[in-house]
Each structure stands twice: as structure tokens, then as C-alpha cells.
Amino acid sequence: MRGKLNRRKSPKQNTTVRAGLDVVFAEDQSRARTAHAAENLAALRRLAVGILRKDKQCKRSLKGKLMRAAIDPDHLQHLLTI
């Protein structure tokens, strides 16, 4: 495989993403255990965190942005159009 770069995330990046998921979604407390439910929910959580991080309109933490999206339908619509 000459010429191909295989980029892997550093341990610090993995820890940052993992900590963000755990804080925002309490991922460690998830009880999804059947079939592929845990993997599917983890993918949706990562997608949601990516969308929340792209949002530059709201200057809050990820948890604050998630709460605002839950309360304000206009802000949720804004996030879904990013």
C-alpha cells in the first residue's frame, strides 16, 4: 500500500470526542444492547455532535446547544439546515 496515507486519530482526539459524547448524551448510561442498536445510536450521536460543533450562531457548550435545540424549534430548524 505504497502511496496511501492511513490517518488515525491521536489518543487525545479520541478522548476529546468520547468525552464530548459522554457529557452531552450520557453515552455510558445508554441501555441499548440489542442487535446493532448501540452502534446505530452511537452513529446518530456522533452525527449530532458534528452538527452542533458546526453551529457558529450559538455560543454555548455542546450541552447548551442541544438544550436550546430541544426548546427552540427555530434553532432546531437552523441546525438541520447546516
C-alpha atoms as a PDB file:
ATOM      1  CA  MET A   1       0.000   0.000   0.000  1.00  0.00           C
ATOM      2  CA  ARG A   2       2.624   2.467  -1.014  1.00  0.00           C
ATOM      3  CA  GLY A   3       1.497   5.994  -1.588  1.00  0.00           C
ATOM      4  CA  LYS A   4      -1.602   5.770   0.585  1.00  0.00           C
ATOM      5  CA  LEU A   5      -1.792   7.617   3.847  1.00  0.00           C
ATOM      6  CA  ASN A   6      -3.672   5.975   6.634  1.00  0.00           C
ATOM      7  CA  ARG A   7      -4.582   8.759   9.043  1.00  0.00           C
ATOM      8  CA  ARG A   8      -5.529   7.679  12.501  1.00  0.00           C
ATOM      9  CA  LYS A   9      -6.772   9.894  15.247  1.00  0.00           C
ATOM     10  CA  SER A  10      -4.409  10.570  18.054  1.00  0.00           C
ATOM     11  CA  PRO A  11      -5.388   9.335  21.527  1.00  0.00           C
ATOM     12  CA  LYS A  12      -6.088  12.947  22.537  1.00  0.00           C
ATOM     13  CA  GLN A  13      -8.614  13.393  19.697  1.00  0.00           C
ATOM     14  CA  ASN A  14     -10.341  10.126  20.558  1.00  0.00           C
ATOM     15  CA  THR A  15     -10.558  11.152  24.204  1.00  0.00           C
ATOM     16  CA  THR A  16     -11.993  14.554  23.301  1.00  0.00           C
ATOM     17  CA  VAL A  17     -14.714  13.097  21.086  1.00  0.00           C
ATOM     18  CA  ARG A  18     -15.507  10.391  23.629  1.00  0.00           C
ATOM     19  CA  ALA A  19     -15.713  12.885  26.489  1.00  0.00           C
ATOM     20  CA  GLY A  20     -17.997  15.117  24.426  1.00  0.00           C
ATOM     21  CA  LEU A  21     -20.351  12.238  23.668  1.00  0.00           C
ATOM     22  CA  ASP A  22     -20.387  11.120  27.273  1.00  0.00           C
ATOM     23  CA  VAL A  23     -21.074  14.588  28.666  1.00  0.00           C
ATOM     24  CA  VAL A  24     -23.705  15.622  26.132  1.00  0.00           C
ATOM     25  CA  PHE A  25     -25.559  12.339  25.699  1.00  0.00           C
ATOM     26  CA  ALA A  26     -24.557  10.358  28.822  1.00  0.00           C
ATOM     27  CA  GLU A  27     -23.445   7.634  26.426  1.00  0.00           C
ATOM     28  CA  ASP A  28     -22.067   5.445  29.212  1.00  0.00           C
ATOM     29  CA  GLN A  29     -25.569   5.247  30.692  1.00  0.00           C
ATOM     30  CA  SER A  30     -27.129   4.044  27.434  1.00  0.00           C
ATOM     31  CA  ARG A  31     -29.046   0.798  27.788  1.00  0.00           C
ATOM     32  CA  ALA A  32     -29.239  -0.062  24.090  1.00  0.00           C
ATOM     33  CA  ARG A  33     -27.934  -3.611  23.991  1.00  0.00           C
ATOM     34  CA  THR A  34     -29.901  -5.490  21.329  1.00  0.00           C
ATOM     35  CA  ALA A  35     -28.572  -6.316  17.858  1.00  0.00           C
ATOM     36  CA  HIS A  36     -26.976  -3.219  16.337  1.00  0.00           C
ATOM     37  CA  ALA A  37     -28.896  -0.669  18.396  1.00  0.00           C
ATOM     38  CA  ALA A  38     -25.833   0.558  20.301  1.00  0.00           C
ATOM     39  CA  GLU A  39     -23.824   1.058  17.092  1.00  0.00           C
ATOM     40  CA  ASN A  40     -26.709   2.821  15.350  1.00  0.00           C
ATOM     41  CA  LEU A  41     -27.329   5.166  18.272  1.00  0.00           C
ATOM     42  CA  ALA A  42     -23.604   5.900  18.566  1.00  0.00           C
ATOM     43  CA  ALA A  43     -23.517   6.874  14.873  1.00  0.00           C
ATOM     44  CA  LEU A  44     -26.503   9.196  15.354  1.00  0.00           C
ATOM     45  CA  ARG A  45     -24.875  10.756  18.419  1.00  0.00           C
ATOM     46  CA  ARG A  46     -21.634  11.398  16.515  1.00  0.00           C
ATOM     47  CA  LEU A  47     -23.643  12.971  13.681  1.00  0.00           C
ATOM     48  CA  ALA A  48     -25.479  15.212  16.157  1.00  0.00           C
ATOM     49  CA  VAL A  49     -22.222  16.302  17.825  1.00  0.00           C
ATOM     50  CA  GLY A  50     -20.777  17.143  14.403  1.00  0.00           C
ATOM     51  CA  ILE A  51     -23.791  19.309  13.578  1.00  0.00           C
ATOM     52  CA  LEU A  52     -23.662  21.036  16.967  1.00  0.00           C
ATOM     53  CA  ARG A  53     -19.951  21.789  16.537  1.00  0.00           C
ATOM     54  CA  LYS A  54     -20.546  23.355  13.105  1.00  0.00           C
ATOM     55  CA  ASP A  55     -23.085  25.780  14.584  1.00  0.00           C
ATOM     56  CA  LYS A  56     -21.424  29.196  14.927  1.00  0.00           C
ATOM     57  CA  GLN A  57     -24.656  31.107  15.635  1.00  0.00           C
ATOM     58  CA  CYS A  58     -24.994  29.892  19.216  1.00  0.00           C
ATOM     59  CA  LYS A  59     -22.022  30.488  21.531  1.00  0.00           C
ATOM     60  CA  ARG A  60     -22.770  27.785  24.091  1.00  0.00           C
ATOM     61  CA  SER A  61     -21.330  24.442  25.064  1.00  0.00           C
ATOM     62  CA  LEU A  62     -22.445  21.330  23.192  1.00  0.00           C
ATOM     63  CA  LYS A  63     -24.810  20.531  26.020  1.00  0.00           C
ATOM     64  CA  GLY A  64     -26.217  24.069  25.921  1.00  0.00           C
ATOM     65  CA  LYS A  65     -26.673  23.911  22.157  1.00  0.00           C
ATOM     66  CA  LEU A  66     -28.504  20.603  22.480  1.00  0.00           C
ATOM     67  CA  MET A  67     -30.781  22.056  25.152  1.00  0.00           C
ATOM     68  CA  ARG A  68     -31.526  25.123  23.042  1.00  0.00           C
ATOM     69  CA  ALA A  69     -32.396  22.903  20.062  1.00  0.00           C
ATOM     70  CA  ALA A  70     -34.768  20.924  22.283  1.00  0.00           C
ATOM     71  CA  ILE A  71     -36.540  24.070  23.493  1.00  0.00           C
ATOM     72  CA  ASP A  72     -36.479  26.344  20.435  1.00  0.00           C
ATOM     73  CA  PRO A  73     -37.966  24.860  17.215  1.00  0.00           C
ATOM     74  CA  ASP A  74     -36.490  27.708  15.136  1.00  0.00           C
ATOM     75  CA  HIS A  75     -32.990  26.906  16.354  1.00  0.00           C
ATOM     76  CA  LEU A  76     -33.566  23.204  15.664  1.00  0.00           C
ATOM     77  CA  GLN A  77     -34.587  24.097  12.110  1.00  0.00           C
ATOM     78  CA  HIS A  78     -31.408  26.175  11.793  1.00  0.00           C
ATOM     79  CA  LEU A  79     -29.282  23.207  12.927  1.00  0.00           C
ATOM     80  CA  LEU A  80     -30.978  20.845  10.491  1.00  0.00           C
ATOM     81  CA  THR A  81     -30.191  23.163   7.587  1.00  0.00           C
ATOM     82  CA  ILE A  82     -26.449  23.418   8.362  1.00  0.00           C
END
